[in-house]
Amino acid sequence: MREYNVVYSARVRREIDELTRWVSQLHTESFARRYINSILDEIEKLSYLAGVLPPSQNMMPLHYHPKAKTMSVGKRKLTVFFHIDGDYVIVDKILPSAMVTY
């Protein structure tokens, strides 16, 4: 099985920071850090899952990249849009799953 390096676009890094601030407003800062770290740990699983997951056939993920794939994280509360480029999995977008249309 092939392994990839997972990298985040600049937009996604900003979104992760925004999500951390939002969770911090609802809960404690330590809870927010634990929650975000658990999400990031799930996303890191793309290092070995990305090659197995099928390309998306839906329009919304394809808006972010023509070869977009998706994966649900955080007990299916968030959807990660990503694509493979050589040895890298590039995370293009993270959205609340309720906002994703298929």
PDB file of N, CA and C in Angstrom:
ATOM      1  N   MET A   1       0.844  -1.164   0.000  1.00  0.00           N
ATOM      2  CA  MET A   1       0.000   0.000   0.000  1.00  0.00           C
ATOM      3  C   MET A   1       0.902   1.244   0.000  1.00  0.00           C
ATOM      4  N   ARG A   2       0.579   2.190  -0.826  1.00  0.00           N
ATOM      5  CA  ARG A   2       1.375   3.412  -0.962  1.00  0.00           C
ATOM      6  C   ARG A   2       1.056   4.394   0.166  1.00  0.00           C
ATOM      7  N   GLU A   3       2.097   5.074   0.650  1.00  0.00           N
ATOM      8  CA  GLU A   3       1.908   6.108   1.665  1.00  0.00           C
ATOM      9  C   GLU A   3       2.180   7.476   1.077  1.00  0.00           C
ATOM     10  N   TYR A   4       1.398   8.447   1.515  1.00  0.00           N
ATOM     11  CA  TYR A   4       1.504   9.824   1.038  1.00  0.00           C
ATOM     12  C   TYR A   4       1.832  10.746   2.207  1.00  0.00           C
ATOM     13  N   ASN A   5       2.339  11.912   1.882  1.00  0.00           N
ATOM     14  CA  ASN A   5       2.522  12.984   2.861  1.00  0.00           C
ATOM     15  C   ASN A   5       1.291  13.873   2.785  1.00  0.00           C
ATOM     16  N   VAL A   6       0.672  14.153   3.925  1.00  0.00           N
ATOM     17  CA  VAL A   6      -0.523  14.982   3.959  1.00  0.00           C
ATOM     18  C   VAL A   6      -0.102  16.432   4.185  1.00  0.00           C
ATOM     19  N   VAL A   7      -0.547  17.323   3.286  1.00  0.00           N
ATOM     20  CA  VAL A   7      -0.276  18.757   3.417  1.00  0.00           C
ATOM     21  C   VAL A   7      -1.600  19.515   3.310  1.00  0.00           C
ATOM     22  N   TYR A   8      -1.603  20.710   3.890  1.00  0.00           N
ATOM     23  CA  TYR A   8      -2.816  21.527   3.926  1.00  0.00           C
ATOM     24  C   TYR A   8      -2.592  22.790   3.113  1.00  0.00           C
ATOM     25  N   SER A   9      -3.594  23.173   2.339  1.00  0.00           N
ATOM     26  CA  SER A   9      -3.515  24.444   1.624  1.00  0.00           C
ATOM     27  C   SER A   9      -3.545  25.574   2.647  1.00  0.00           C
ATOM     28  N   ALA A  10      -3.108  26.749   2.239  1.00  0.00           N
ATOM     29  CA  ALA A  10      -3.119  27.913   3.136  1.00  0.00           C
ATOM     30  C   ALA A  10      -4.542  28.209   3.600  1.00  0.00           C
ATOM     31  N   ARG A  11      -5.507  28.050   2.715  1.00  0.00           N
ATOM     32  CA  ARG A  11      -6.914  28.298   3.071  1.00  0.00           C
ATOM     33  C   ARG A  11      -7.365  27.337   4.172  1.00  0.00           C
ATOM     34  N   VAL A  12      -6.980  26.083   4.057  1.00  0.00           N
ATOM     35  CA  VAL A  12      -7.383  25.097   5.056  1.00  0.00           C
ATOM     36  C   VAL A  12      -6.730  25.391   6.402  1.00  0.00           C
ATOM     37  N   ARG A  13      -5.489  25.812   6.401  1.00  0.00           N
ATOM     38  CA  ARG A  13      -4.831  26.170   7.667  1.00  0.00           C
ATOM     39  C   ARG A  13      -5.587  27.306   8.356  1.00  0.00           C
ATOM     40  N   ARG A  14      -6.038  28.287   7.564  1.00  0.00           N
ATOM     41  CA  ARG A  14      -6.834  29.383   8.139  1.00  0.00           C
ATOM     42  C   ARG A  14      -8.168  28.860   8.675  1.00  0.00           C
ATOM     43  N   GLU A  15      -8.792  27.961   7.938  1.00  0.00           N
ATOM     44  CA  GLU A  15     -10.071  27.388   8.374  1.00  0.00           C
ATOM     45  C   GLU A  15      -9.911  26.598   9.671  1.00  0.00           C
ATOM     46  N   ILE A  16      -8.806  25.896   9.813  1.00  0.00           N
ATOM     47  CA  ILE A  16      -8.547  25.150  11.048  1.00  0.00           C
ATOM     48  C   ILE A  16      -8.395  26.126  12.214  1.00  0.00           C
ATOM     49  N   ASP A  17      -7.697  27.237  11.983  1.00  0.00           N
ATOM     50  CA  ASP A  17      -7.571  28.262  13.026  1.00  0.00           C
ATOM     51  C   ASP A  17      -8.935  28.834  13.401  1.00  0.00           C
ATOM     52  N   GLU A  18      -9.776  29.110  12.397  1.00  0.00           N
ATOM     53  CA  GLU A  18     -11.117  29.639  12.661  1.00  0.00           C
ATOM     54  C   GLU A  18     -11.965  28.632  13.426  1.00  0.00           C
ATOM     55  N   LEU A  19     -11.878  27.372  13.034  1.00  0.00           N
ATOM     56  CA  LEU A  19     -12.629  26.320  13.723  1.00  0.00           C
ATOM     57  C   LEU A  19     -12.172  26.202  15.175  1.00  0.00           C
ATOM     58  N   THR A  20     -10.880  26.313  15.407  1.00  0.00           N
ATOM     59  CA  THR A  20     -10.347  26.259  16.765  1.00  0.00           C
ATOM     60  C   THR A  20     -10.896  27.406  17.611  1.00  0.00           C
ATOM     61  N   ARG A  21     -10.897  28.619  17.043  1.00  0.00           N
ATOM     62  CA  ARG A  21     -11.443  29.769  17.774  1.00  0.00           C
ATOM     63  C   ARG A  21     -12.927  29.584  18.070  1.00  0.00           C
ATOM     64  N   TRP A  22     -13.674  29.084  17.093  1.00  0.00           N
ATOM     65  CA  TRP A  22     -15.113  28.888  17.268  1.00  0.00           C
ATOM     66  C   TRP A  22     -15.389  27.861  18.378  1.00  0.00           C
ATOM     67  N   VAL A  23     -14.670  26.733  18.347  1.00  0.00           N
ATOM     68  CA  VAL A  23     -14.867  25.711  19.381  1.00  0.00           C
ATOM     69  C   VAL A  23     -14.456  26.261  20.744  1.00  0.00           C
ATOM     70  N   SER A  24     -13.413  27.091  20.777  1.00  0.00           N
ATOM     71  CA  SER A  24     -12.962  27.705  22.037  1.00  0.00           C
ATOM     72  C   SER A  24     -14.029  28.606  22.640  1.00  0.00           C
ATOM     73  N   GLN A  25     -14.842  29.219  21.803  1.00  0.00           N
ATOM     74  CA  GLN A  25     -15.914  30.081  22.300  1.00  0.00           C
ATOM     75  C   GLN A  25     -17.032  29.271  22.943  1.00  0.00           C
ATOM     76  N   LEU A  26     -17.208  28.046  22.481  1.00  0.00           N
ATOM     77  CA  LEU A  26     -18.273  27.190  23.000  1.00  0.00           C
ATOM     78  C   LEU A  26     -17.822  26.345  24.187  1.00  0.00           C
ATOM     79  N   HIS A  27     -16.539  26.029  24.214  1.00  0.00           N
ATOM     80  CA  HIS A  27     -15.971  25.157  25.239  1.00  0.00           C
ATOM     81  C   HIS A  27     -14.676  25.781  25.749  1.00  0.00           C
ATOM     82  N   THR A  28     -13.954  25.022  26.532  1.00  0.00           N
ATOM     83  CA  THR A  28     -12.660  25.516  27.011  1.00  0.00           C
ATOM     84  C   THR A  28     -11.622  25.441  25.904  1.00  0.00           C
ATOM     85  N   GLU A  29     -10.558  26.195  26.086  1.00  0.00           N
ATOM     86  CA  GLU A  29      -9.486  26.183  25.094  1.00  0.00           C
ATOM     87  C   GLU A  29      -8.818  24.809  25.019  1.00  0.00           C
ATOM     88  N   SER A  30      -8.658  24.145  26.154  1.00  0.00           N
ATOM     89  CA  SER A  30      -8.035  22.814  26.132  1.00  0.00           C
ATOM     90  C   SER A  30      -8.927  21.806  25.404  1.00  0.00           C
ATOM     91  N   PHE A  31     -10.250  21.918  25.578  1.00  0.00           N
ATOM     92  CA  PHE A  31     -11.155  21.042  24.832  1.00  0.00           C
ATOM     93  C   PHE A  31     -11.026  21.311  23.337  1.00  0.00           C
ATOM     94  N   ALA A  32     -10.957  22.584  22.956  1.00  0.00           N
ATOM     95  CA  ALA A  32     -10.839  22.947  21.538  1.00  0.00           C
ATOM     96  C   ALA A  32      -9.575  22.346  20.945  1.00  0.00           C
ATOM     97  N   ARG A  33      -8.463  22.439  21.671  1.00  0.00           N
ATOM     98  CA  ARG A  33      -7.207  21.871  21.162  1.00  0.00           C
ATOM     99  C   ARG A  33      -7.311  20.367  21.002  1.00  0.00           C
ATOM    100  N   ARG A  34      -7.898  19.690  22.000  1.00  0.00           N
ATOM    101  CA  ARG A  34      -8.061  18.225  21.905  1.00  0.00           C
ATOM    102  C   ARG A  34      -8.956  17.859  20.728  1.00  0.00           C
ATOM    103  N   TYR A  35     -10.056  18.585  20.561  1.00  0.00           N
ATOM    104  CA  TYR A  35     -10.993  18.315  19.467  1.00  0.00           C
ATOM    105  C   TYR A  35     -10.312  18.502  18.108  1.00  0.00           C
ATOM    106  N   ILE A  36      -9.636  19.622  17.937  1.00  0.00           N
ATOM    107  CA  ILE A  36      -8.967  19.895  16.660  1.00  0.00           C
ATOM    108  C   ILE A  36      -7.868  18.883  16.413  1.00  0.00           C
ATOM    109  N   ASN A  37      -7.107  18.532  17.437  1.00  0.00           N
ATOM    110  CA  ASN A  37      -6.050  17.533  17.264  1.00  0.00           C
ATOM    111  C   ASN A  37      -6.615  16.179  16.874  1.00  0.00           C
ATOM    112  N   SER A  38      -7.789  15.825  17.413  1.00  0.00           N
ATOM    113  CA  SER A  38      -8.404  14.551  17.013  1.00  0.00           C
ATOM    114  C   SER A  38      -8.838  14.595  15.546  1.00  0.00           C
ATOM    115  N   ILE A  39      -9.324  15.751  15.098  1.00  0.00           N
ATOM    116  CA  ILE A  39      -9.702  15.910  13.684  1.00  0.00           C
ATOM    117  C   ILE A  39      -8.454  15.787  12.801  1.00  0.00           C
ATOM    118  N   LEU A  40      -7.386  16.463  13.199  1.00  0.00           N
ATOM    119  CA  LEU A  40      -6.145  16.415  12.425  1.00  0.00           C
ATOM    120  C   LEU A  40      -5.570  14.998  12.396  1.00  0.00           C
ATOM    121  N   ASP A  41      -5.700  14.264  13.492  1.00  0.00           N
ATOM    122  CA  ASP A  41      -5.250  12.869  13.509  1.00  0.00           C
ATOM    123  C   ASP A  41      -6.043  12.033  12.503  1.00  0.00           C
ATOM    124  N   GLU A  42      -7.342  12.280  12.423  1.00  0.00           N
ATOM    125  CA  GLU A  42      -8.159  11.553  11.442  1.00  0.00           C
ATOM    126  C   GLU A  42      -7.747  11.911  10.022  1.00  0.00           C
ATOM    127  N   ILE A  43      -7.488  13.182   9.781  1.00  0.00           N
ATOM    128  CA  ILE A  43      -7.070  13.617   8.447  1.00  0.00           C
ATOM    129  C   ILE A  43      -5.730  12.997   8.081  1.00  0.00           C
ATOM    130  N   GLU A  44      -4.848  12.837   9.049  1.00  0.00           N
ATOM    131  CA  GLU A  44      -3.538  12.216   8.790  1.00  0.00           C
ATOM    132  C   GLU A  44      -3.681  10.782   8.290  1.00  0.00           C
ATOM    133  N   LYS A  45      -4.807  10.142   8.562  1.00  0.00           N
ATOM    134  CA  LYS A  45      -5.038   8.783   8.065  1.00  0.00           C
ATOM    135  C   LYS A  45      -5.086   8.745   6.538  1.00  0.00           C
ATOM    136  N   LEU A  46      -5.266   9.925   5.927  1.00  0.00           N
ATOM    137  CA  LEU A  46      -5.231   9.979   4.463  1.00  0.00           C
ATOM    138  C   LEU A  46      -3.875   9.559   3.925  1.00  0.00           C
ATOM    139  N   SER A  47      -2.844   9.574   4.752  1.00  0.00           N
ATOM    140  CA  SER A  47      -1.518   9.173   4.290  1.00  0.00           C
ATOM    141  C   SER A  47      -1.538   7.752   3.730  1.00  0.00           C
ATOM    142  N   TYR A  48      -2.422   6.917   4.240  1.00  0.00           N
ATOM    143  CA  TYR A  48      -2.528   5.568   3.682  1.00  0.00           C
ATOM    144  C   TYR A  48      -3.907   5.253   3.099  1.00  0.00           C
ATOM    145  N   LEU A  49      -4.919   6.063   3.379  1.00  0.00           N
ATOM    146  CA  LEU A  49      -6.262   5.812   2.836  1.00  0.00           C
ATOM    147  C   LEU A  49      -6.528   6.501   1.498  1.00  0.00           C
ATOM    148  N   ALA A  50      -5.798   7.561   1.198  1.00  0.00           N
ATOM    149  CA  ALA A  50      -6.105   8.393   0.027  1.00  0.00           C
ATOM    150  C   ALA A  50      -6.135   7.598  -1.273  1.00  0.00           C
ATOM    151  N   GLY A  51      -5.208   6.687  -1.439  1.00  0.00           N
ATOM    152  CA  GLY A  51      -5.152   5.920  -2.677  1.00  0.00           C
ATOM    153  C   GLY A  51      -6.299   4.940  -2.836  1.00  0.00           C
ATOM    154  N   VAL A  52      -6.931   4.576  -1.742  1.00  0.00           N
ATOM    155  CA  VAL A  52      -8.018   3.602  -1.758  1.00  0.00           C
ATOM    156  C   VAL A  52      -9.376   4.263  -1.987  1.00  0.00           C
ATOM    157  N   LEU A  53      -9.524   5.484  -1.496  1.00  0.00           N
ATOM    158  CA  LEU A  53     -10.807   6.177  -1.633  1.00  0.00           C
ATOM    159  C   LEU A  53     -11.056   6.565  -3.091  1.00  0.00           C
ATOM    160  N   PRO A  54     -12.290   6.397  -3.563  1.00  0.00           N
ATOM    161  CA  PRO A  54     -12.586   6.694  -4.968  1.00  0.00           C
ATOM    162  C   PRO A  54     -12.712   8.200  -5.221  1.00  0.00           C
ATOM    163  N   PRO A  55     -12.426   8.627  -6.462  1.00  0.00           N
ATOM    164  CA  PRO A  55     -12.646  10.041  -6.813  1.00  0.00           C
ATOM    165  C   PRO A  55     -14.134  10.372  -6.724  1.00  0.00           C
ATOM    166  N   SER A  56     -14.422  11.594  -6.375  1.00  0.00           N
ATOM    167  CA  SER A  56     -15.805  12.017  -6.253  1.00  0.00           C
ATOM    168  C   SER A  56     -16.430  12.187  -7.630  1.00  0.00           C
ATOM    169  N   GLN A  57     -17.689  11.824  -7.743  1.00  0.00           N
ATOM    170  CA  GLN A  57     -18.446  12.003  -8.974  1.00  0.00           C
ATOM    171  C   GLN A  57     -19.401  13.184  -8.869  1.00  0.00           C
ATOM    172  N   ASN A  58     -19.401  13.831  -7.722  1.00  0.00           N
ATOM    173  CA  ASN A  58     -20.331  14.923  -7.463  1.00  0.00           C
ATOM    174  C   ASN A  58     -19.715  16.267  -7.786  1.00  0.00           C
ATOM    175  N   MET A  59     -20.549  17.244  -8.078  1.00  0.00           N
ATOM    176  CA  MET A  59     -20.079  18.557  -8.521  1.00  0.00           C
ATOM    177  C   MET A  59     -19.410  19.371  -7.404  1.00  0.00           C
ATOM    178  N   MET A  60     -19.947  19.348  -6.204  1.00  0.00           N
ATOM    179  CA  MET A  60     -19.402  20.210  -5.155  1.00  0.00           C
ATOM    180  C   MET A  60     -17.919  19.925  -4.874  1.00  0.00           C
ATOM    181  N   PRO A  61     -17.512  18.679  -4.636  1.00  0.00           N
ATOM    182  CA  PRO A  61     -16.088  18.427  -4.420  1.00  0.00           C
ATOM    183  C   PRO A  61     -15.234  18.786  -5.638  1.00  0.00           C
ATOM    184  N   LEU A  62     -15.776  18.589  -6.812  1.00  0.00           N
ATOM    185  CA  LEU A  62     -15.020  18.880  -8.035  1.00  0.00           C
ATOM    186  C   LEU A  62     -14.796  20.373  -8.221  1.00  0.00           C
ATOM    187  N   HIS A  63     -15.565  21.191  -7.510  1.00  0.00           N
ATOM    188  CA  HIS A  63     -15.355  22.635  -7.536  1.00  0.00           C
ATOM    189  C   HIS A  63     -13.981  22.988  -6.955  1.00  0.00           C
ATOM    190  N   TYR A  64     -13.507  22.189  -6.006  1.00  0.00           N
ATOM    191  CA  TYR A  64     -12.233  22.468  -5.343  1.00  0.00           C
ATOM    192  C   TYR A  64     -11.041  21.873  -6.079  1.00  0.00           C
ATOM    193  N   HIS A  65     -11.262  20.780  -6.797  1.00  0.00           N
ATOM    194  CA  HIS A  65     -10.197  20.194  -7.618  1.00  0.00           C
ATOM    195  C   HIS A  65     -10.837  19.184  -8.569  1.00  0.00           C
ATOM    196  N   PRO A  66     -10.362  19.109  -9.831  1.00  0.00           N
ATOM    197  CA  PRO A  66     -10.974  18.184 -10.801  1.00  0.00           C
ATOM    198  C   PRO A  66     -10.856  16.709 -10.418  1.00  0.00           C
ATOM    199  N   LYS A  67      -9.878  16.361  -9.576  1.00  0.00           N
ATOM    200  CA  LYS A  67      -9.717  14.966  -9.142  1.00  0.00           C
ATOM    201  C   LYS A  67      -9.983  14.837  -7.642  1.00  0.00           C
ATOM    202  N   ALA A  68     -10.921  15.615  -7.156  1.00  0.00           N
ATOM    203  CA  ALA A  68     -11.214  15.654  -5.720  1.00  0.00           C
ATOM    204  C   ALA A  68     -11.752  14.329  -5.210  1.00  0.00           C
ATOM    205  N   LYS A  69     -11.396  14.054  -3.970  1.00  0.00           N
ATOM    206  CA  LYS A  69     -11.927  12.939  -3.215  1.00  0.00           C
ATOM    207  C   LYS A  69     -12.439  13.522  -1.900  1.00  0.00           C
ATOM    208  N   THR A  70     -13.279  12.765  -1.197  1.00  0.00           N
ATOM    209  CA  THR A  70     -13.796  13.250   0.082  1.00  0.00           C
ATOM    210  C   THR A  70     -13.658  12.180   1.152  1.00  0.00           C
ATOM    211  N   MET A  71     -13.607  12.662   2.399  1.00  0.00           N
ATOM    212  CA  MET A  71     -13.595  11.770   3.552  1.00  0.00           C
ATOM    213  C   MET A  71     -14.281  12.498   4.710  1.00  0.00           C
ATOM    214  N   SER A  72     -15.129  11.784   5.439  1.00  0.00           N
ATOM    215  CA  SER A  72     -15.786  12.355   6.612  1.00  0.00           C
ATOM    216  C   SER A  72     -14.905  12.150   7.835  1.00  0.00           C
ATOM    217  N   VAL A  73     -14.859  13.173   8.691  1.00  0.00           N
ATOM    218  CA  VAL A  73     -14.090  13.101   9.937  1.00  0.00           C
ATOM    219  C   VAL A  73     -14.928  13.690  11.065  1.00  0.00           C
ATOM    220  N   GLY A  74     -14.443  13.521  12.290  1.00  0.00           N
ATOM    221  CA  GLY A  74     -15.151  14.104  13.426  1.00  0.00           C
ATOM    222  C   GLY A  74     -16.535  13.533  13.594  1.00  0.00           C
ATOM    223  N   LYS A  75     -16.639  12.210  13.580  1.00  0.00           N
ATOM    224  CA  LYS A  75     -17.943  11.531  13.685  1.00  0.00           C
ATOM    225  C   LYS A  75     -18.903  12.022  12.604  1.00  0.00           C
ATOM    226  N   ARG A  76     -18.357  12.178  11.408  1.00  0.00           N
ATOM    227  CA  ARG A  76     -19.096  12.593  10.199  1.00  0.00           C
ATOM    228  C   ARG A  76     -19.633  14.009  10.264  1.00  0.00           C
ATOM    229  N   LYS A  77     -19.120  14.823  11.164  1.00  0.00           N
ATOM    230  CA  LYS A  77     -19.583  16.205  11.263  1.00  0.00           C
ATOM    231  C   LYS A  77     -18.868  17.117  10.280  1.00  0.00           C
ATOM    232  N   LEU A  78     -17.685  16.697   9.817  1.00  0.00           N
ATOM    233  CA  LEU A  78     -16.913  17.489   8.861  1.00  0.00           C
ATOM    234  C   LEU A  78     -16.577  16.627   7.652  1.00  0.00           C
ATOM    235  N   THR A  79     -16.499  17.268   6.495  1.00  0.00           N
ATOM    236  CA  THR A  79     -16.085  16.585   5.273  1.00  0.00           C
ATOM    237  C   THR A  79     -14.818  17.238   4.767  1.00  0.00           C
ATOM    238  N   VAL A  80     -13.841  16.407   4.463  1.00  0.00           N
ATOM    239  CA  VAL A  80     -12.552  16.866   3.960  1.00  0.00           C
ATOM    240  C   VAL A  80     -12.515  16.627   2.454  1.00  0.00           C
ATOM    241  N   PHE A  81     -12.190  17.670   1.694  1.00  0.00           N
ATOM    242  CA  PHE A  81     -11.994  17.562   0.252  1.00  0.00           C
ATOM    243  C   PHE A  81     -10.491  17.561   0.014  1.00  0.00           C
ATOM    244  N   PHE A  82     -10.012  16.614  -0.758  1.00  0.00           N
ATOM    245  CA  PHE A  82      -8.574  16.511  -0.989  1.00  0.00           C
ATOM    246  C   PHE A  82      -8.302  15.926  -2.373  1.00  0.00           C
ATOM    247  N   HIS A  83      -7.044  16.038  -2.809  1.00  0.00           N
ATOM    248  CA  HIS A  83      -6.624  15.385  -4.036  1.00  0.00           C
ATOM    249  C   HIS A  83      -5.202  14.887  -3.858  1.00  0.00           C
ATOM    250  N   ILE A  84      -4.796  13.983  -4.725  1.00  0.00           N
ATOM    251  CA  ILE A  84      -3.448  13.416  -4.688  1.00  0.00           C
ATOM    252  C   ILE A  84      -2.628  14.078  -5.784  1.00  0.00           C
ATOM    253  N   ASP A  85      -1.421  14.486  -5.421  1.00  0.00           N
ATOM    254  CA  ASP A  85      -0.474  15.075  -6.375  1.00  0.00           C
ATOM    255  C   ASP A  85       0.885  14.447  -6.104  1.00  0.00           C
ATOM    256  N   GLY A  86       1.240  13.449  -6.894  1.00  0.00           N
ATOM    257  CA  GLY A  86       2.506  12.743  -6.693  1.00  0.00           C
ATOM    258  C   GLY A  86       2.516  12.009  -5.361  1.00  0.00           C
ATOM    259  N   ASP A  87       3.460  12.376  -4.502  1.00  0.00           N
ATOM    260  CA  ASP A  87       3.590  11.741  -3.194  1.00  0.00           C
ATOM    261  C   ASP A  87       2.804  12.473  -2.110  1.00  0.00           C
ATOM    262  N   TYR A  88       1.973  13.419  -2.501  1.00  0.00           N
ATOM    263  CA  TYR A  88       1.279  14.262  -1.535  1.00  0.00           C
ATOM    264  C   TYR A  88      -0.233  14.122  -1.631  1.00  0.00           C
ATOM    265  N   VAL A  89      -0.861  14.166  -0.467  1.00  0.00           N
ATOM    266  CA  VAL A  89      -2.306  14.349  -0.374  1.00  0.00           C
ATOM    267  C   VAL A  89      -2.471  15.805   0.028  1.00  0.00           C
ATOM    268  N   ILE A  90      -3.152  16.567  -0.801  1.00  0.00           N
ATOM    269  CA  ILE A  90      -3.343  17.983  -0.532  1.00  0.00           C
ATOM    270  C   ILE A  90      -4.792  18.198  -0.095  1.00  0.00           C
ATOM    271  N   VAL A  91      -4.951  18.676   1.127  1.00  0.00           N
ATOM    272  CA  VAL A  91      -6.283  18.956   1.671  1.00  0.00           C
ATOM    273  C   VAL A  91      -6.695  20.327   1.147  1.00  0.00           C
ATOM    274  N   ASP A  92      -7.780  20.348   0.359  1.00  0.00           N
ATOM    275  CA  ASP A  92      -8.234  21.569  -0.307  1.00  0.00           C
ATOM    276  C   ASP A  92      -9.289  22.340   0.481  1.00  0.00           C
ATOM    277  N   LYS A  93     -10.118  21.634   1.245  1.00  0.00           N
ATOM    278  CA  LYS A  93     -11.227  22.299   1.926  1.00  0.00           C
ATOM    279  C   LYS A  93     -11.754  21.388   3.030  1.00  0.00           C
ATOM    280  N   ILE A  94     -12.213  21.998   4.106  1.00  0.00           N
ATOM    281  CA  ILE A  94     -12.912  21.293   5.176  1.00  0.00           C
ATOM    282  C   ILE A  94     -14.218  22.040   5.408  1.00  0.00           C
ATOM    283  N   LEU A  95     -15.318  21.319   5.298  1.00  0.00           N
ATOM    284  CA  LEU A  95     -16.641  21.932   5.485  1.00  0.00           C
ATOM    285  C   LEU A  95     -17.463  21.107   6.473  1.00  0.00           C
ATOM    286  N   PRO A  96     -18.390  21.769   7.170  1.00  0.00           N
ATOM    287  CA  PRO A  96     -19.363  20.985   7.951  1.00  0.00           C
ATOM    288  C   PRO A  96     -20.135  20.081   6.987  1.00  0.00           C
ATOM    289  N   SER A  97     -20.304  18.842   7.352  1.00  0.00           N
ATOM    290  CA  SER A  97     -20.960  17.884   6.461  1.00  0.00           C
ATOM    291  C   SER A  97     -22.363  18.308   6.081  1.00  0.00           C
ATOM    292  N   ALA A  98     -23.044  19.041   6.954  1.00  0.00           N
ATOM    293  CA  ALA A  98     -24.399  19.505   6.653  1.00  0.00           C
ATOM    294  C   ALA A  98     -24.429  20.472   5.478  1.00  0.00           C
ATOM    295  N   MET A  99     -23.292  21.107   5.172  1.00  0.00           N
ATOM    296  CA  MET A  99     -23.225  22.059   4.069  1.00  0.00           C
ATOM    297  C   MET A  99     -22.879  21.413   2.733  1.00  0.00           C
ATOM    298  N   VAL A 100     -22.488  20.137   2.768  1.00  0.00           N
ATOM    299  CA  VAL A 100     -22.042  19.452   1.563  1.00  0.00           C
ATOM    300  C   VAL A 100     -23.245  18.885   0.832  1.00  0.00           C
ATOM    301  N   THR A 101     -23.358  19.240  -0.434  1.00  0.00           N
ATOM    302  CA  THR A 101     -24.429  18.718  -1.272  1.00  0.00           C
ATOM    303  C   THR A 101     -23.856  17.729  -2.259  1.00  0.00           C
ATOM    304  N   TYR A 102     -24.573  16.627  -2.432  1.00  0.00           N
ATOM    305  CA  TYR A 102     -24.126  15.597  -3.374  1.00  0.00           C
ATOM    306  C   TYR A 102     -25.167  15.376  -4.426  1.00  0.00           C
TER     307      TYR A 102
END
